[in-house]
Amino acid sequence: MVDDVLRGIVLKVAFVTPWDPADRGAWSGVLNPAYRCLQDRVELVPVVPDISDAILDRALTRFNAQIFGKNIFPL
C-alpha cells in the first residue's frame, strides 16, 4: 500500500561530503558504495564544498587524543 502511494514521487537528497563521492578510495572506501546505494533509490545532488581537508575530522581526532590520550587516526 505504501509503495502505491509513493510511486512516482522522486525524493531529492543532498549528499554533503568534503570528498569526491566517485572516488572509490575516499574515506577508507566507505563513501562510494554508500553513494551508489543511495543513487539507486533517490535523486542525489552531490555537494562537495571547496575545502582542502576534512577540518572537522582532524579537530575531532585531536580532541579525542587530548581527552583519551590516544590517536584513533594518524594525523
Protein backbone atom coordinates (compact mmCIF):
# COMPACT_ATOMS: atom_id res chain seq x y z
CA MET A 1 0.00 0.00 0.00
CA VAL A 2 2.82 2.43 0.87
CA ASP A 3 4.55 1.64 -2.43
CA ASP A 4 1.36 2.57 -4.32
CA VAL A 5 1.21 5.92 -2.52
CA LEU A 6 4.91 6.69 -3.11
CA ARG A 7 5.02 5.52 -6.72
CA GLY A 8 6.02 8.40 -8.95
CA ILE A 9 7.38 10.55 -6.13
CA VAL A 10 11.05 11.47 -6.60
CA LEU A 11 12.98 12.12 -3.42
CA LYS A 12 15.86 14.56 -3.90
CA VAL A 13 18.69 14.24 -1.37
CA ALA A 14 21.76 16.44 -0.89
CA PHE A 15 24.85 14.29 -0.36
CA VAL A 16 27.23 16.61 1.51
CA THR A 17 30.83 15.44 1.80
CA PRO A 18 34.28 17.01 1.67
CA TRP A 19 35.41 14.08 -0.51
CA ASP A 20 34.62 13.16 -4.10
CA PRO A 21 31.78 10.59 -3.93
CA ALA A 22 33.03 8.98 -7.16
CA ASP A 23 36.44 8.24 -5.58
CA ARG A 24 36.41 4.57 -4.54
CA GLY A 25 39.19 5.14 -2.02
CA ALA A 26 37.64 8.14 -0.26
CA TRP A 27 37.07 7.74 3.45
CA SER A 28 38.56 4.23 3.52
CA GLY A 29 36.36 3.07 0.66
CA VAL A 30 33.08 3.57 2.53
CA LEU A 31 31.82 6.69 0.78
CA ASN A 32 31.45 5.42 -2.79
CA PRO A 33 29.33 2.32 -2.03
CA ALA A 34 27.05 4.40 0.21
CA TYR A 35 26.71 6.99 -2.55
CA ARG A 36 25.94 4.35 -5.20
CA CYS A 37 23.39 2.63 -2.94
CA LEU A 38 21.55 5.89 -2.34
CA GLN A 39 21.82 6.83 -6.01
CA ASP A 40 19.83 3.70 -6.92
CA ARG A 41 16.96 4.80 -4.67
CA VAL A 42 16.75 8.61 -4.76
CA GLU A 43 17.86 11.55 -6.89
CA LEU A 44 21.19 12.58 -5.36
CA VAL A 45 22.66 16.04 -5.56
CA PRO A 46 26.34 15.83 -4.56
CA VAL A 47 27.53 18.87 -2.61
CA VAL A 48 31.30 18.97 -2.27
CA PRO A 49 32.49 22.12 -0.50
CA ASP A 50 35.72 23.64 -1.72
CA ILE A 51 37.91 22.77 1.25
CA SER A 52 41.34 21.21 1.08
CA ASP A 53 40.99 18.97 4.10
CA ALA A 54 38.44 17.40 6.41
CA ILE A 55 38.85 20.04 9.10
CA LEU A 56 36.17 18.66 11.41
CA ASP A 57 37.63 15.14 11.30
CA ARG A 58 41.08 16.42 12.18
CA ALA A 59 39.73 18.56 15.01
CA LEU A 60 37.75 15.65 16.48
CA THR A 61 40.76 13.35 16.21
CA ARG A 62 42.95 15.84 18.06
CA PHE A 63 40.24 16.37 20.68
CA ASN A 64 39.99 12.60 21.25
CA ALA A 65 43.76 12.38 21.54
CA GLN A 66 43.81 15.04 24.24
CA ILE A 67 40.87 13.60 26.18
CA PHE A 68 41.60 9.87 25.86
CA GLY A 69 45.36 10.02 25.39
CA LYS A 70 45.47 8.18 22.08
CA ASN A 71 45.05 8.84 18.36
CA ILE A 72 42.50 6.75 16.57
CA PHE A 73 43.55 8.04 13.15
CA PRO A 74 47.03 9.21 12.14
CA LEU A 75 47.32 12.97 11.76
